Amino acid sequence: MTERPFKHQPDDYLLYPFNRYQACRYGLDGTLTDVRSGEQRSIRQEILQLADRLAPFAHQLKATAALEAVVRQAKSPHSEAQQMRDFIANGGSLSGLVQKHCEIWAA
């Protein structure tokens, strides 16, 4: 946060499509591959680890409540990605899925 110990190289972005696919398809349960080490962890684990590192800065910026909301979501077993897959598997249409999520996000 206050230092940049790692400088990205152009080849680092080769993993971007894989990581993005994992996030879109599996949500917080997706696998994120670290470009430096090649280590794979769940997106959920990465978010929780990042939240720990951000906590002092959130406190300074009076953003603790927002960070805590992110942590609660990351710790929740509820997965919107799984809900979407279940909706389609149960015969739902793509337009029905979009409508359902628009209602959820608007609430």
N, C-alpha and C. Protein backbone atom coordinates (compact mmCIF):
# COMPACT_ATOMS: atom_id res chain seq x y z
N MET A 1 0.82 -1.18 0.00
CA MET A 1 0.00 0.00 0.00
C MET A 1 0.87 1.26 0.00
N THR A 2 1.92 1.24 0.77
CA THR A 2 2.81 2.41 0.79
C THR A 2 4.07 2.16 -0.03
N GLU A 3 4.25 0.96 -0.50
CA GLU A 3 5.41 0.63 -1.32
C GLU A 3 4.98 -0.27 -2.47
N ARG A 4 5.76 -0.33 -3.48
CA ARG A 4 5.47 -1.17 -4.64
C ARG A 4 6.65 -2.13 -4.82
N PRO A 5 6.64 -3.25 -4.10
CA PRO A 5 7.79 -4.15 -4.14
C PRO A 5 7.87 -5.00 -5.41
N PHE A 6 6.84 -4.96 -6.24
CA PHE A 6 6.81 -5.83 -7.41
C PHE A 6 6.44 -5.01 -8.64
N LYS A 7 7.26 -5.11 -9.67
CA LYS A 7 6.97 -4.40 -10.92
C LYS A 7 6.50 -5.42 -11.95
N HIS A 8 5.29 -5.19 -12.47
CA HIS A 8 4.73 -6.12 -13.44
C HIS A 8 5.50 -6.10 -14.75
N GLN A 9 5.59 -7.26 -15.36
CA GLN A 9 6.20 -7.43 -16.67
C GLN A 9 5.08 -7.75 -17.67
N PRO A 10 5.30 -7.50 -18.95
CA PRO A 10 4.24 -7.77 -19.94
C PRO A 10 3.70 -9.20 -19.90
N ASP A 11 4.57 -10.19 -19.67
CA ASP A 11 4.11 -11.58 -19.63
C ASP A 11 3.19 -11.87 -18.45
N ASP A 12 3.23 -11.04 -17.43
CA ASP A 12 2.36 -11.25 -16.28
C ASP A 12 0.89 -11.22 -16.69
N TYR A 13 0.59 -10.46 -17.71
CA TYR A 13 -0.80 -10.29 -18.14
C TYR A 13 -1.33 -11.50 -18.90
N LEU A 14 -0.47 -12.48 -19.18
CA LEU A 14 -0.94 -13.70 -19.83
C LEU A 14 -1.88 -14.48 -18.92
N LEU A 15 -1.72 -14.34 -17.61
CA LEU A 15 -2.60 -15.02 -16.66
C LEU A 15 -3.93 -14.30 -16.47
N TYR A 16 -4.02 -13.07 -16.90
CA TYR A 16 -5.22 -12.28 -16.66
C TYR A 16 -6.49 -12.95 -17.18
N PRO A 17 -6.53 -13.47 -18.42
CA PRO A 17 -7.77 -14.11 -18.89
C PRO A 17 -8.18 -15.31 -18.03
N PHE A 18 -7.21 -16.11 -17.58
CA PHE A 18 -7.53 -17.26 -16.73
C PHE A 18 -8.12 -16.79 -15.40
N ASN A 19 -7.46 -15.83 -14.77
CA ASN A 19 -7.95 -15.33 -13.48
C ASN A 19 -9.33 -14.69 -13.63
N ARG A 20 -9.53 -13.95 -14.70
CA ARG A 20 -10.83 -13.30 -14.93
C ARG A 20 -11.92 -14.34 -15.16
N TYR A 21 -11.61 -15.38 -15.95
CA TYR A 21 -12.58 -16.45 -16.18
C TYR A 21 -12.96 -17.11 -14.85
N GLN A 22 -11.97 -17.42 -14.03
CA GLN A 22 -12.24 -18.05 -12.74
C GLN A 22 -13.16 -17.18 -11.89
N ALA A 23 -12.92 -15.89 -11.88
CA ALA A 23 -13.76 -14.98 -11.08
C ALA A 23 -15.18 -14.92 -11.63
N CYS A 24 -15.31 -14.83 -12.95
CA CYS A 24 -16.64 -14.74 -13.55
C CYS A 24 -17.42 -16.04 -13.39
N ARG A 25 -16.76 -17.16 -13.55
CA ARG A 25 -17.46 -18.45 -13.53
C ARG A 25 -17.73 -18.94 -12.12
N TYR A 26 -16.76 -18.78 -11.23
CA TYR A 26 -16.85 -19.38 -9.90
C TYR A 26 -16.95 -18.38 -8.76
N GLY A 27 -16.90 -17.10 -9.06
CA GLY A 27 -17.00 -16.10 -8.01
C GLY A 27 -15.86 -16.23 -7.01
N LEU A 28 -16.19 -16.08 -5.74
CA LEU A 28 -15.16 -16.13 -4.69
C LEU A 28 -14.51 -17.50 -4.55
N ASP A 29 -15.16 -18.53 -5.10
CA ASP A 29 -14.58 -19.87 -5.03
C ASP A 29 -13.63 -20.15 -6.20
N GLY A 30 -13.48 -19.20 -7.09
CA GLY A 30 -12.56 -19.37 -8.21
C GLY A 30 -11.12 -19.41 -7.74
N THR A 31 -10.27 -19.88 -8.62
CA THR A 31 -8.84 -19.99 -8.34
C THR A 31 -8.11 -18.80 -8.95
N LEU A 32 -7.27 -18.19 -8.15
CA LEU A 32 -6.46 -17.07 -8.61
C LEU A 32 -5.01 -17.53 -8.62
N THR A 33 -4.35 -17.34 -9.75
CA THR A 33 -2.94 -17.71 -9.86
C THR A 33 -2.09 -16.47 -9.69
N ASP A 34 -1.16 -16.51 -8.75
CA ASP A 34 -0.25 -15.40 -8.49
C ASP A 34 0.79 -15.35 -9.60
N VAL A 35 0.94 -14.20 -10.24
CA VAL A 35 1.85 -14.09 -11.37
C VAL A 35 3.32 -14.21 -10.96
N ARG A 36 3.63 -13.86 -9.73
CA ARG A 36 5.02 -13.94 -9.28
C ARG A 36 5.44 -15.34 -8.94
N SER A 37 4.60 -16.04 -8.17
CA SER A 37 5.00 -17.35 -7.64
C SER A 37 4.36 -18.53 -8.36
N GLY A 38 3.27 -18.28 -9.09
CA GLY A 38 2.53 -19.37 -9.70
C GLY A 38 1.61 -20.09 -8.71
N GLU A 39 1.64 -19.64 -7.46
CA GLU A 39 0.81 -20.24 -6.42
C GLU A 39 -0.66 -19.99 -6.72
N GLN A 40 -1.48 -21.01 -6.47
CA GLN A 40 -2.91 -20.87 -6.68
C GLN A 40 -3.64 -20.89 -5.36
N ARG A 41 -4.56 -19.94 -5.21
CA ARG A 41 -5.39 -19.86 -4.00
C ARG A 41 -6.78 -19.43 -4.44
N SER A 42 -7.74 -19.62 -3.56
CA SER A 42 -9.09 -19.18 -3.90
C SER A 42 -9.14 -17.65 -3.86
N ILE A 43 -10.03 -17.11 -4.66
CA ILE A 43 -10.22 -15.66 -4.66
C ILE A 43 -10.66 -15.21 -3.28
N ARG A 44 -11.46 -16.03 -2.63
CA ARG A 44 -11.92 -15.74 -1.27
C ARG A 44 -10.72 -15.56 -0.33
N GLN A 45 -9.75 -16.48 -0.39
CA GLN A 45 -8.55 -16.40 0.46
C GLN A 45 -7.76 -15.13 0.16
N GLU A 46 -7.64 -14.80 -1.12
CA GLU A 46 -6.89 -13.60 -1.52
C GLU A 46 -7.55 -12.34 -0.96
N ILE A 47 -8.87 -12.29 -1.03
CA ILE A 47 -9.58 -11.11 -0.53
C ILE A 47 -9.39 -10.97 0.97
N LEU A 48 -9.50 -12.08 1.69
CA LEU A 48 -9.34 -12.02 3.15
C LEU A 48 -7.92 -11.61 3.54
N GLN A 49 -6.94 -12.12 2.82
CA GLN A 49 -5.55 -11.74 3.10
C GLN A 49 -5.33 -10.25 2.78
N LEU A 50 -5.88 -9.79 1.67
CA LEU A 50 -5.75 -8.38 1.31
C LEU A 50 -6.45 -7.49 2.33
N ALA A 51 -7.61 -7.93 2.81
CA ALA A 51 -8.34 -7.14 3.82
C ALA A 51 -7.51 -6.97 5.08
N ASP A 52 -6.79 -8.02 5.48
CA ASP A 52 -5.92 -7.90 6.65
C ASP A 52 -4.85 -6.83 6.44
N ARG A 53 -4.29 -6.81 5.22
CA ARG A 53 -3.25 -5.82 4.93
C ARG A 53 -3.82 -4.40 4.81
N LEU A 54 -5.08 -4.30 4.40
CA LEU A 54 -5.71 -2.99 4.22
C LEU A 54 -6.28 -2.41 5.51
N ALA A 55 -6.47 -3.24 6.53
CA ALA A 55 -7.14 -2.80 7.77
C ALA A 55 -6.56 -1.51 8.36
N PRO A 56 -5.25 -1.38 8.50
CA PRO A 56 -4.73 -0.13 9.08
C PRO A 56 -5.07 1.10 8.23
N PHE A 57 -5.06 0.94 6.92
CA PHE A 57 -5.37 2.06 6.02
C PHE A 57 -6.86 2.38 6.07
N ALA A 58 -7.69 1.35 6.17
CA ALA A 58 -9.13 1.57 6.28
C ALA A 58 -9.44 2.35 7.55
N HIS A 59 -8.73 2.03 8.63
CA HIS A 59 -8.93 2.74 9.89
C HIS A 59 -8.55 4.22 9.72
N GLN A 60 -7.40 4.47 9.11
CA GLN A 60 -6.95 5.86 8.90
C GLN A 60 -7.94 6.65 8.06
N LEU A 61 -8.55 5.97 7.09
CA LEU A 61 -9.46 6.65 6.16
C LEU A 61 -10.92 6.59 6.59
N LYS A 62 -11.14 6.07 7.80
CA LYS A 62 -12.50 5.91 8.33
C LYS A 62 -13.37 5.07 7.38
N ALA A 63 -12.77 4.03 6.87
CA ALA A 63 -13.46 3.13 5.93
C ALA A 63 -13.56 1.72 6.49
N THR A 64 -13.43 1.59 7.81
CA THR A 64 -13.45 0.27 8.44
C THR A 64 -14.76 -0.46 8.16
N ALA A 65 -15.88 0.24 8.22
CA ALA A 65 -17.18 -0.40 8.00
C ALA A 65 -17.27 -0.99 6.59
N ALA A 66 -16.76 -0.28 5.61
CA ALA A 66 -16.79 -0.77 4.23
C ALA A 66 -15.91 -2.01 4.09
N LEU A 67 -14.73 -1.98 4.69
CA LEU A 67 -13.84 -3.14 4.61
C LEU A 67 -14.45 -4.33 5.34
N GLU A 68 -15.09 -4.09 6.47
CA GLU A 68 -15.75 -5.17 7.21
C GLU A 68 -16.88 -5.79 6.39
N ALA A 69 -17.58 -4.99 5.60
CA ALA A 69 -18.64 -5.51 4.73
C ALA A 69 -18.05 -6.44 3.67
N VAL A 70 -16.90 -6.07 3.13
CA VAL A 70 -16.22 -6.92 2.15
C VAL A 70 -15.81 -8.24 2.80
N VAL A 71 -15.27 -8.16 4.01
CA VAL A 71 -14.84 -9.37 4.73
C VAL A 71 -16.03 -10.28 5.01
N ARG A 72 -17.15 -9.70 5.45
CA ARG A 72 -18.36 -10.51 5.70
C ARG A 72 -18.80 -11.23 4.43
N GLN A 73 -18.79 -10.53 3.32
CA GLN A 73 -19.18 -11.15 2.05
C GLN A 73 -18.21 -12.27 1.68
N ALA A 74 -16.92 -12.04 1.88
CA ALA A 74 -15.92 -13.06 1.54
C ALA A 74 -16.03 -14.28 2.44
N LYS A 75 -16.45 -14.10 3.67
CA LYS A 75 -16.58 -15.22 4.61
C LYS A 75 -17.91 -15.96 4.46
N SER A 76 -18.85 -15.37 3.76
CA SER A 76 -20.18 -15.95 3.61
C SER A 76 -20.13 -17.17 2.68
N PRO A 77 -20.83 -18.24 3.04
CA PRO A 77 -20.88 -19.40 2.15
C PRO A 77 -21.78 -19.14 0.93
N HIS A 78 -22.57 -18.08 0.99
CA HIS A 78 -23.47 -17.69 -0.09
C HIS A 78 -22.65 -17.29 -1.31
N SER A 79 -22.94 -17.87 -2.44
CA SER A 79 -22.19 -17.56 -3.65
C SER A 79 -23.15 -17.17 -4.77
N GLU A 80 -23.06 -15.94 -5.23
CA GLU A 80 -23.90 -15.52 -6.34
C GLU A 80 -23.57 -16.29 -7.61
N ALA A 81 -22.31 -16.65 -7.79
CA ALA A 81 -21.93 -17.43 -8.97
C ALA A 81 -22.64 -18.78 -8.96
N GLN A 82 -22.70 -19.43 -7.79
CA GLN A 82 -23.39 -20.71 -7.69
C GLN A 82 -24.89 -20.53 -7.89
N GLN A 83 -25.46 -19.46 -7.36
CA GLN A 83 -26.88 -19.17 -7.57
C GLN A 83 -27.19 -19.05 -9.05
N MET A 84 -26.33 -18.38 -9.79
CA MET A 84 -26.56 -18.22 -11.23
C MET A 84 -26.50 -19.56 -11.95
N ARG A 85 -25.51 -20.39 -11.61
CA ARG A 85 -25.41 -21.70 -12.24
C ARG A 85 -26.63 -22.55 -11.90
N ASP A 86 -27.08 -22.51 -10.65
CA ASP A 86 -28.26 -23.27 -10.23
C ASP A 86 -29.51 -22.80 -10.98
N PHE A 87 -29.66 -21.49 -11.14
CA PHE A 87 -30.82 -20.93 -11.83
C PHE A 87 -30.91 -21.48 -13.25
N ILE A 88 -29.81 -21.46 -13.97
CA ILE A 88 -29.78 -21.97 -15.35
C ILE A 88 -29.97 -23.48 -15.36
N ALA A 89 -29.33 -24.20 -14.44
CA ALA A 89 -29.47 -25.66 -14.38
C ALA A 89 -30.91 -26.09 -14.11
N ASN A 90 -31.66 -25.24 -13.42
CA ASN A 90 -33.06 -25.55 -13.10
C ASN A 90 -34.02 -25.06 -14.19
N GLY A 91 -33.49 -24.76 -15.36
CA GLY A 91 -34.34 -24.40 -16.50
C GLY A 91 -34.56 -22.92 -16.70
N GLY A 92 -33.89 -22.09 -15.92
CA GLY A 92 -34.05 -20.65 -16.07
C GLY A 92 -33.41 -20.16 -17.36
N SER A 93 -33.94 -19.08 -17.89
CA SER A 93 -33.40 -18.50 -19.12
C SER A 93 -32.36 -17.43 -18.78
N LEU A 94 -31.57 -17.08 -19.77
CA LEU A 94 -30.57 -16.03 -19.57
C LEU A 94 -31.25 -14.69 -19.25
N SER A 95 -32.33 -14.38 -19.96
CA SER A 95 -33.02 -13.12 -19.67
C SER A 95 -33.64 -13.14 -18.27
N GLY A 96 -34.13 -14.31 -17.83
CA GLY A 96 -34.66 -14.44 -16.47
C GLY A 96 -33.57 -14.26 -15.43
N LEU A 97 -32.39 -14.78 -15.74
CA LEU A 97 -31.25 -14.63 -14.84
C LEU A 97 -30.85 -13.16 -14.69
N VAL A 98 -30.81 -12.46 -15.80
CA VAL A 98 -30.47 -11.04 -15.77
C VAL A 98 -31.51 -10.27 -14.96
N GLN A 99 -32.78 -10.56 -15.18
CA GLN A 99 -33.85 -9.89 -14.45
C GLN A 99 -33.73 -10.15 -12.95
N LYS A 100 -33.50 -11.41 -12.59
CA LYS A 100 -33.38 -11.78 -11.17
C LYS A 100 -32.25 -11.00 -10.50
N HIS A 101 -31.10 -10.93 -11.17
CA HIS A 101 -29.96 -10.25 -10.56
C HIS A 101 -30.11 -8.74 -10.55
N CYS A 102 -30.81 -8.19 -11.52
CA CYS A 102 -31.11 -6.75 -11.48
C CYS A 102 -31.95 -6.44 -10.25
N GLU A 103 -32.90 -7.31 -9.94
CA GLU A 103 -33.74 -7.11 -8.75
C GLU A 103 -32.92 -7.22 -7.47
N ILE A 104 -32.01 -8.19 -7.43
CA ILE A 104 -31.15 -8.37 -6.24
C ILE A 104 -30.27 -7.14 -6.05
N TRP A 105 -29.63 -6.68 -7.12
CA TRP A 105 -28.70 -5.56 -7.02
C TRP A 105 -29.41 -4.26 -6.72
N ALA A 106 -30.68 -4.14 -7.15
CA ALA A 106 -31.44 -2.91 -6.91
C ALA A 106 -31.96 -2.82 -5.48
N ALA A 107 -32.03 -3.96 -4.80
CA ALA A 107 -32.59 -3.98 -3.44
C ALA A 107 -31.66 -3.35 -2.43
